Amino acid sequence: MTHVPQVKIPATYMRGGTSKGVFFNLTDLPERCQVAGEPRDKMLLRVIGSPDPYGKQTDGMGGATSSTSKTVILAKSDVVDHDVDYLFGQVAIDKAFVDWSGNCGNLTAAVGSFAINSGLVDKTRIPENGICTVRIWQKNISKTILAQVPITNGEVQETGAFELDGVTFPAAEVPVEFIAPVDPSEAMFPTGNVVDELEVPLHISATGILKATMITAGIPTIFLNAEEVGYSGTELQDAINNDDAALARFETIRAYGALKMGLIKDISEAEARQHTPKVAFVTNAKSYTTSSDKHVSASEIDLHVRALSMGKLHHAMMGTAAVAIGSAAAIPNTLVNLAAGGGVREAVIFGHPSGTLKVGAEASNVNDTWVINKASMSRSARILMEGWVRIPGDSF
């Protein structure tokens, strides 16, 4: 029997924020994968090592978590006043599925440096020393993001002293701004309410009702009160991820929230939309110990947030969910705002399983409609490996 040999595809393996992913230049992909469709999805699945019934992604580049099962395709942008188009694919681990429904905010920090290194940013815009503002068009959600990439001697500066909880080693700081994460013509709160009564099955809540703030800024997110779903809000990963019944409850809540937000038309559609919406739970500031045994005092933070991604509690916080947190915190009387103490807030520091994160948002009320002008936070990014990935030639 004759087997088709492997093909090699230029690729770069990068960390961005608390995530890792395989980055591609669109023009480097096999021709049939340069357009959206089944061949592209199959190629990315094989690169990452999915679907893997063992849940390990041993035969691919994935790291068997939602944070490390990611792909990025970049191209020179045709959008006016933008440098690069950024397309993000969240690859399922145990299913043959690539979710294109949202953005990855963490990997956004790596998009700028990849774009510069790949020649996607005009050389006239790159200083010899200083900051290069990379103007990113996020194709999944049609939004603008600005990444402030440090440059030293004409090259991207990746090393530095900036520490990010959830990332072991320090690196150079990359401030990221999400411009108008919700267009004024769109509904930031799809139901029109900053807090809703979300109807859920009685095995989820004895009353069949959960209070929820459902917001689309950054990424569609459903915020719950930790106490209402039976948690203190200071939990680490094992408390949730080792409890199959808890994960099933959160997935049910996510599905009913997606329906309420108008993201799906039938509950059954939630299974094919794993990346969005996210579900998270919040509580007021409390002292706790992080996953790295670091003690965080209640006085150091404004609130706690725990968020699930692709069916598991995230080890830190997704970048796009951080945008949702900052945006919701800036708007009075959302569950996030109330957990942080209420009132007008331009920034919050929240606790997550790995530590703390500060995120800011500029909110304004225009004709009784809340608008987020921009949300900002700092991440870091680093090339881990570059060269080629190889996959069987008949796998896509």
Protein backbone atom coordinates (compact mmCIF):
# COMPACT_ATOMS: atom_id res chain seq x y z
CA MET A 1 0.00 0.00 0.00
CA THR A 2 1.38 3.42 -0.98
CA HIS A 3 1.10 6.26 1.50
CA VAL A 4 1.21 9.96 0.65
CA PRO A 5 4.31 11.65 2.14
CA GLN A 6 4.16 14.55 4.54
CA VAL A 7 4.08 18.13 3.34
CA LYS A 8 5.74 21.00 5.18
CA ILE A 9 4.11 24.38 5.75
CA PRO A 10 5.95 27.48 7.00
CA ALA A 11 4.75 28.27 10.52
CA THR A 12 5.71 29.99 13.75
CA TYR A 13 4.84 28.72 17.22
CA MET A 14 4.19 31.66 19.54
CA ARG A 15 3.06 32.50 23.02
CA GLY A 16 0.76 35.47 23.32
CA GLY A 17 -0.43 36.40 26.81
CA THR A 18 -1.42 33.17 28.57
CA SER A 19 -2.07 31.30 25.31
CA LYS A 20 0.02 29.54 22.67
CA GLY A 21 -0.77 28.99 19.01
CA VAL A 22 0.55 28.12 15.58
CA PHE A 23 0.82 31.21 13.36
CA PHE A 24 0.66 31.16 9.56
CA ASN A 25 1.09 33.73 6.83
CA LEU A 26 -1.92 33.27 4.54
CA THR A 27 0.22 33.14 1.40
CA ASP A 28 2.33 30.31 2.87
CA LEU A 29 -0.65 27.96 3.14
CA PRO A 30 -1.37 25.34 0.48
CA GLU A 31 -3.47 27.02 -2.20
CA ARG A 32 -6.70 25.21 -1.33
CA CYS A 33 -6.27 26.27 2.30
CA GLN A 34 -5.93 29.96 1.52
CA VAL A 35 -9.72 30.25 1.50
CA ALA A 36 -12.20 29.31 4.18
CA GLY A 37 -13.60 25.81 3.95
CA GLU A 38 -13.17 22.14 4.74
CA PRO A 39 -9.57 21.78 3.47
CA ARG A 40 -8.39 24.64 5.69
CA ASP A 41 -10.19 23.26 8.74
CA LYS A 42 -8.81 19.76 8.14
CA MET A 43 -5.29 21.16 7.74
CA LEU A 44 -5.48 23.05 11.04
CA LEU A 45 -6.97 20.08 12.86
CA ARG A 46 -4.09 17.87 11.70
CA VAL A 47 -1.50 20.51 12.61
CA ILE A 48 -2.84 20.78 16.15
CA GLY A 49 -3.47 17.03 16.52
CA SER A 50 -7.26 16.92 16.67
CA PRO A 51 -9.61 15.23 17.05
CA ASP A 52 -7.89 13.24 19.77
CA PRO A 53 -10.10 10.85 21.77
CA TYR A 54 -7.28 10.60 24.31
CA GLY A 55 -7.47 14.37 24.87
CA LYS A 56 -3.69 14.80 24.70
CA GLN A 57 -2.98 16.07 21.14
CA THR A 58 0.21 14.02 21.24
CA ASP A 59 0.39 13.80 17.44
CA GLY A 60 0.24 17.54 16.87
CA MET A 61 1.24 20.98 18.08
CA GLY A 62 -1.64 21.40 20.52
CA GLY A 63 -1.13 21.36 24.27
CA ALA A 64 -4.40 19.64 25.23
CA THR A 65 -5.98 22.76 26.74
CA SER A 66 -8.18 25.47 25.25
CA SER A 67 -5.29 27.93 25.80
CA THR A 68 -2.90 25.88 23.68
CA SER A 69 -5.18 24.51 20.95
CA LYS A 70 -5.16 27.63 18.79
CA THR A 71 -4.29 28.75 15.28
CA VAL A 72 -3.78 32.15 13.66
CA ILE A 73 -3.73 33.14 9.98
CA LEU A 74 -2.40 36.58 9.10
CA ALA A 75 -2.38 38.56 5.86
CA LYS A 76 -1.55 42.07 4.74
CA SER A 77 -4.71 44.10 5.25
CA ASP A 78 -6.78 45.75 2.55
CA VAL A 79 -8.75 47.63 5.20
CA VAL A 80 -7.92 51.33 5.19
CA ASP A 81 -5.52 52.41 7.99
CA HIS A 82 -4.82 48.82 9.04
CA ASP A 83 -1.62 46.81 8.68
CA VAL A 84 -2.68 43.21 9.08
CA ASP A 85 -5.76 40.98 8.97
CA TYR A 86 -5.94 38.62 11.92
CA LEU A 87 -8.04 35.46 11.64
CA PHE A 88 -8.28 33.20 14.70
CA GLY A 89 -9.29 29.53 14.75
CA GLN A 90 -10.02 27.79 18.07
CA VAL A 91 -9.40 24.09 17.51
CA ALA A 92 -11.46 21.60 19.47
CA ILE A 93 -9.41 18.92 21.23
CA ASP A 94 -11.59 15.80 21.01
CA LYS A 95 -13.83 16.85 18.11
CA ALA A 96 -13.19 17.51 14.41
CA PHE A 97 -14.16 21.15 14.74
CA VAL A 98 -12.55 24.58 14.29
CA ASP A 99 -14.54 27.44 15.81
CA TRP A 100 -14.22 30.74 13.91
CA SER A 101 -16.90 32.60 15.90
CA GLY A 102 -14.66 34.80 18.04
CA ASN A 103 -11.29 36.36 18.74
CA CYS A 104 -8.39 35.39 21.01
CA GLY A 105 -7.32 38.45 22.94
CA ASN A 106 -4.21 36.82 24.40
CA LEU A 107 -2.77 35.88 21.02
CA THR A 108 -3.46 39.42 19.81
CA ALA A 109 -0.29 40.40 21.67
CA ALA A 110 1.69 38.09 19.37
CA VAL A 111 -0.01 39.24 16.16
CA GLY A 112 1.87 42.54 16.14
CA SER A 113 5.33 41.02 16.43
CA PHE A 114 4.56 38.27 13.90
CA ALA A 115 3.27 40.89 11.47
CA ILE A 116 6.43 42.96 11.83
CA ASN A 117 8.75 39.94 11.53
CA SER A 118 6.85 38.69 8.47
CA GLY A 119 7.01 41.95 6.54
CA LEU A 120 3.29 42.62 6.84
CA VAL A 121 3.90 46.05 8.36
CA ASP A 122 5.31 48.78 6.13
CA LYS A 123 8.94 49.39 7.06
CA THR A 124 8.35 53.14 7.15
CA ARG A 125 6.09 52.61 10.18
CA ILE A 126 8.72 50.72 12.18
CA PRO A 127 11.05 52.95 14.23
CA GLU A 128 14.70 52.07 14.81
CA ASN A 129 13.99 52.31 18.53
CA GLY A 130 10.69 52.93 20.26
CA ILE A 131 7.16 51.62 19.80
CA CYS A 132 5.53 50.38 16.62
CA THR A 133 1.75 50.63 16.73
CA VAL A 134 0.47 47.68 14.70
CA ARG A 135 -3.05 48.31 13.42
CA ILE A 136 -4.87 44.99 13.43
CA TRP A 137 -8.13 44.18 11.68
CA GLN A 138 -9.68 41.28 13.60
CA LYS A 139 -11.50 39.42 10.82
CA ASN A 140 -13.55 37.09 13.01
CA ILE A 141 -15.43 39.98 14.60
CA SER A 142 -14.61 42.89 12.23
CA LYS A 143 -13.01 45.07 14.89
CA THR A 144 -9.86 47.18 15.24
CA ILE A 145 -7.12 46.34 17.74
CA LEU A 146 -3.92 48.29 18.34
CA ALA A 147 -0.81 46.47 19.60
CA GLN A 148 2.07 48.60 20.91
CA VAL A 149 5.12 46.52 20.02
CA PRO A 150 8.51 47.58 21.45
CA ILE A 151 11.33 47.89 18.90
CA THR A 152 15.09 47.86 19.62
CA ASN A 153 17.64 48.37 16.85
CA GLY A 154 14.94 47.91 14.24
CA GLU A 155 13.79 44.53 15.57
CA VAL A 156 10.95 43.38 17.80
CA GLN A 157 12.00 43.45 21.46
CA GLU A 158 10.63 40.28 23.10
CA THR A 159 12.64 40.10 26.32
CA GLY A 160 11.89 42.34 29.27
CA ALA A 161 10.87 42.63 32.91
CA PHE A 162 7.06 42.66 32.49
CA GLU A 163 5.44 39.91 34.55
CA LEU A 164 2.05 38.47 33.66
CA ASP A 165 0.32 36.16 36.11
CA GLY A 166 -0.21 32.82 34.41
CA VAL A 167 3.08 33.10 32.48
CA THR A 168 6.19 31.73 34.17
CA PHE A 169 8.88 34.04 32.83
CA PRO A 170 8.99 37.84 32.33
CA ALA A 171 9.06 39.39 28.87
CA ALA A 172 8.57 42.72 27.11
CA GLU A 173 5.27 44.48 27.79
CA VAL A 174 2.85 44.79 24.86
CA PRO A 175 -0.07 47.14 25.63
CA VAL A 176 -3.16 46.20 23.60
CA GLU A 177 -6.16 48.41 22.91
CA PHE A 178 -9.48 47.07 21.66
CA ILE A 179 -11.11 49.99 19.83
CA ALA A 180 -14.90 50.20 20.04
CA PRO A 181 -15.25 46.50 20.92
CA VAL A 182 -18.97 46.91 20.37
CA ASP A 183 -20.03 49.06 17.43
CA PRO A 184 -22.62 51.72 18.42
CA SER A 185 -25.00 50.11 15.93
CA GLU A 186 -24.74 46.80 17.78
CA ALA A 187 -26.30 45.81 21.08
CA MET A 188 -23.74 45.55 23.86
CA PHE A 189 -26.45 43.98 25.99
CA PRO A 190 -28.44 41.84 23.53
CA THR A 191 -31.49 41.71 25.80
CA GLY A 192 -31.37 45.44 26.54
CA ASN A 193 -30.76 44.80 30.25
CA VAL A 194 -27.57 45.08 32.30
CA VAL A 195 -28.90 42.23 34.47
CA ASP A 196 -31.28 39.55 33.31
CA GLU A 197 -33.16 36.70 34.88
CA LEU A 198 -31.84 33.76 32.90
CA GLU A 199 -34.22 30.82 32.82
CA VAL A 200 -32.44 27.49 33.29
CA PRO A 201 -33.56 23.91 34.05
CA LEU A 202 -34.48 23.22 37.69
CA HIS A 203 -31.46 20.94 38.19
CA ILE A 204 -29.30 24.03 37.61
CA SER A 205 -31.19 26.32 39.97
CA ALA A 206 -33.96 25.41 42.40
CA THR A 207 -35.91 28.47 41.24
CA GLY A 208 -35.15 27.94 37.55
CA ILE A 209 -33.70 31.46 37.47
CA LEU A 210 -30.15 32.83 37.63
CA LYS A 211 -29.17 36.47 37.61
CA ALA A 212 -26.89 37.14 34.64
CA THR A 213 -25.15 39.99 32.90
CA MET A 214 -24.83 39.13 29.22
CA ILE A 215 -22.50 41.36 27.25
CA THR A 216 -20.89 41.24 23.80
CA ALA A 217 -17.86 43.51 24.40
CA GLY A 218 -14.62 41.69 23.61
CA ILE A 219 -16.39 38.38 23.30
CA PRO A 220 -19.97 37.39 24.12
CA THR A 221 -19.88 36.54 27.82
CA ILE A 222 -22.41 35.44 30.42
CA PHE A 223 -21.52 36.66 33.93
CA LEU A 224 -23.08 34.98 36.97
CA ASN A 225 -22.85 35.53 40.72
CA ALA A 226 -20.53 32.87 42.16
CA GLU A 227 -22.72 32.25 45.20
CA GLU A 228 -25.78 31.60 43.04
CA VAL A 229 -24.03 28.71 41.31
CA GLY A 230 -22.61 27.30 44.54
CA TYR A 231 -19.07 28.70 44.59
CA SER A 232 -17.04 31.14 46.65
CA GLY A 233 -15.50 32.68 43.53
CA THR A 234 -11.92 31.94 44.62
CA GLU A 235 -11.80 28.43 43.12
CA LEU A 236 -8.79 27.09 41.24
CA GLN A 237 -8.98 24.84 38.18
CA ASP A 238 -9.22 21.46 39.90
CA ALA A 239 -12.30 22.47 41.88
CA ILE A 240 -14.22 22.82 38.62
CA ASN A 241 -12.40 20.76 36.02
CA ASN A 242 -12.35 17.59 38.12
CA ASP A 243 -16.11 17.80 38.59
CA ASP A 244 -17.88 16.46 35.50
CA ALA A 245 -21.29 17.36 36.92
CA ALA A 246 -20.19 20.98 37.43
CA LEU A 247 -18.83 21.22 33.90
CA ALA A 248 -22.11 19.86 32.54
CA ARG A 249 -24.08 22.45 34.55
CA PHE A 250 -21.96 25.29 33.22
CA GLU A 251 -22.35 24.01 29.66
CA THR A 252 -26.12 23.96 30.13
CA ILE A 253 -26.06 27.52 31.46
CA ARG A 254 -23.88 28.55 28.52
CA ALA A 255 -26.35 27.05 26.05
CA TYR A 256 -29.37 28.77 27.61
CA GLY A 257 -27.44 32.04 27.74
CA ALA A 258 -26.47 31.74 24.08
CA LEU A 259 -30.13 31.31 23.23
CA LYS A 260 -31.14 34.31 25.34
CA MET A 261 -28.42 36.42 23.68
CA GLY A 262 -29.68 35.47 20.22
CA LEU A 263 -26.42 33.76 19.28
CA ILE A 264 -28.24 30.53 18.49
CA LYS A 265 -31.82 29.72 17.56
CA ASP A 266 -32.02 26.34 19.26
CA ILE A 267 -30.29 24.89 22.33
CA SER A 268 -28.86 22.08 20.23
CA GLU A 269 -26.75 24.57 18.24
CA ALA A 270 -24.60 25.41 21.29
CA GLU A 271 -22.54 22.24 20.85
CA ALA A 272 -21.24 23.50 17.49
CA ARG A 273 -20.42 26.94 18.94
CA GLN A 274 -17.98 26.08 21.69
CA HIS A 275 -15.81 29.21 21.58
CA THR A 276 -18.66 31.63 22.21
CA PRO A 277 -20.27 32.68 24.41
CA LYS A 278 -18.05 32.37 27.45
CA VAL A 279 -19.51 31.79 30.89
CA ALA A 280 -17.93 33.32 33.99
CA PHE A 281 -18.77 33.84 37.66
CA VAL A 282 -17.88 36.81 39.87
CA THR A 283 -17.69 37.75 43.52
CA ASN A 284 -16.33 40.53 45.70
CA ALA A 285 -12.66 40.85 46.63
CA LYS A 286 -11.42 38.11 48.97
CA SER A 287 -7.97 37.00 50.01
CA TYR A 288 -6.89 33.76 48.32
CA THR A 289 -3.95 31.60 47.26
CA THR A 290 -3.21 31.25 43.56
CA SER A 291 -2.32 28.10 41.65
CA SER A 292 1.37 28.99 42.12
CA ASP A 293 0.89 29.29 45.93
CA LYS A 294 1.09 33.08 45.85
CA HIS A 295 -1.02 34.82 48.49
CA VAL A 296 -3.19 37.66 47.19
CA SER A 297 -4.81 39.95 49.72
CA ALA A 298 -8.35 41.21 49.24
CA SER A 299 -6.94 44.74 49.38
CA GLU A 300 -4.94 44.11 46.18
CA ILE A 301 -7.97 43.45 43.96
CA ASP A 302 -11.43 44.81 43.23
CA LEU A 303 -13.19 41.51 42.56
CA HIS A 304 -12.75 37.88 41.56
CA VAL A 305 -13.64 36.42 38.16
CA ARG A 306 -13.47 32.80 37.06
CA ALA A 307 -14.18 32.00 33.41
CA LEU A 308 -14.65 28.82 31.41
CA SER A 309 -13.29 28.32 27.91
CA MET A 310 -14.10 25.37 25.65
CA GLY A 311 -15.81 23.60 28.53
CA LYS A 312 -13.05 23.98 31.15
CA LEU A 313 -12.16 26.56 33.79
CA HIS A 314 -9.37 28.71 32.37
CA HIS A 315 -6.04 28.68 34.23
CA ALA A 316 -5.89 32.49 34.12
CA MET A 317 -8.14 34.70 31.97
CA MET A 318 -8.86 34.87 28.27
CA GLY A 319 -7.90 38.24 26.83
CA THR A 320 -11.25 38.80 25.17
CA ALA A 321 -13.06 37.88 28.39
CA ALA A 322 -10.88 40.45 30.17
CA VAL A 323 -12.24 43.04 27.73
CA ALA A 324 -15.75 41.93 28.66
CA ILE A 325 -14.84 42.20 32.35
CA GLY A 326 -13.42 45.71 31.98
CA SER A 327 -16.40 46.83 29.91
CA ALA A 328 -18.98 45.39 32.29
CA ALA A 329 -17.15 46.82 35.31
CA ALA A 330 -17.29 50.30 33.75
CA ILE A 331 -21.08 50.20 33.46
CA PRO A 332 -23.03 50.73 36.70
CA ASN A 333 -25.15 47.91 38.13
CA THR A 334 -23.90 45.03 36.03
CA LEU A 335 -23.02 41.98 38.13
CA VAL A 336 -19.35 42.66 37.44
CA ASN A 337 -19.65 46.30 38.49
CA LEU A 338 -21.55 45.39 41.65
CA ALA A 339 -19.02 42.70 42.59
CA ALA A 340 -16.29 45.36 42.27
CA GLY A 341 -18.19 47.67 44.63
CA GLY A 342 -20.39 49.56 42.19
CA GLY A 343 -20.09 53.13 40.98
CA VAL A 344 -18.15 54.56 38.04
CA ARG A 345 -14.94 52.69 37.25
CA GLU A 346 -12.39 53.20 34.48
CA ALA A 347 -10.29 50.18 35.47
CA VAL A 348 -10.43 47.14 37.73
CA ILE A 349 -7.94 44.64 39.06
CA PHE A 350 -9.47 41.20 39.30
CA GLY A 351 -8.27 37.96 40.78
CA HIS A 352 -8.15 34.80 38.66
CA PRO A 353 -6.73 31.31 39.35
CA SER A 354 -3.16 32.30 38.44
CA GLY A 355 -3.07 35.76 39.99
CA THR A 356 -4.34 39.21 39.10
CA LEU A 357 -4.91 41.32 36.01
CA LYS A 358 -5.72 44.98 35.47
CA VAL A 359 -8.03 45.93 32.62
CA GLY A 360 -9.39 49.34 31.73
CA ALA A 361 -12.37 50.51 29.70
CA GLU A 362 -13.76 53.88 28.66
CA ALA A 363 -17.55 53.84 28.80
CA SER A 364 -20.02 56.55 27.88
CA ASN A 365 -23.80 56.77 27.81
CA VAL A 366 -25.16 58.09 24.53
CA ASN A 367 -28.93 58.51 24.26
CA ASP A 368 -29.46 56.02 27.08
CA THR A 369 -27.23 53.48 25.34
CA TRP A 370 -23.91 52.39 26.80
CA VAL A 371 -20.91 52.58 24.50
CA ILE A 372 -17.35 51.34 25.12
CA ASN A 373 -14.88 53.60 23.34
CA LYS A 374 -11.95 51.31 24.01
CA ALA A 375 -10.69 48.66 26.40
CA SER A 376 -7.03 48.15 27.24
CA MET A 377 -4.67 45.79 29.00
CA SER A 378 -1.04 44.70 28.83
CA ARG A 379 0.18 41.30 27.69
CA SER A 380 3.48 39.93 26.41
CA ALA A 381 4.48 37.68 23.52
CA ARG A 382 7.41 35.58 22.38
CA ILE A 383 8.40 33.36 19.46
CA LEU A 384 8.92 29.83 20.75
CA MET A 385 9.86 28.12 17.49
CA GLU A 386 9.80 28.90 13.80
CA GLY A 387 10.25 26.88 10.65
CA TRP A 388 7.73 24.39 9.25
CA VAL A 389 5.02 22.12 10.52
CA ARG A 390 4.60 18.82 8.72
CA ILE A 391 1.36 16.91 8.17
CA PRO A 392 0.40 13.98 5.91
CA GLY A 393 -0.34 15.25 2.42
CA ASP A 394 -3.70 13.46 2.28
CA SER A 395 -4.99 14.82 5.61
CA PHE A 396 -6.59 17.88 4.07
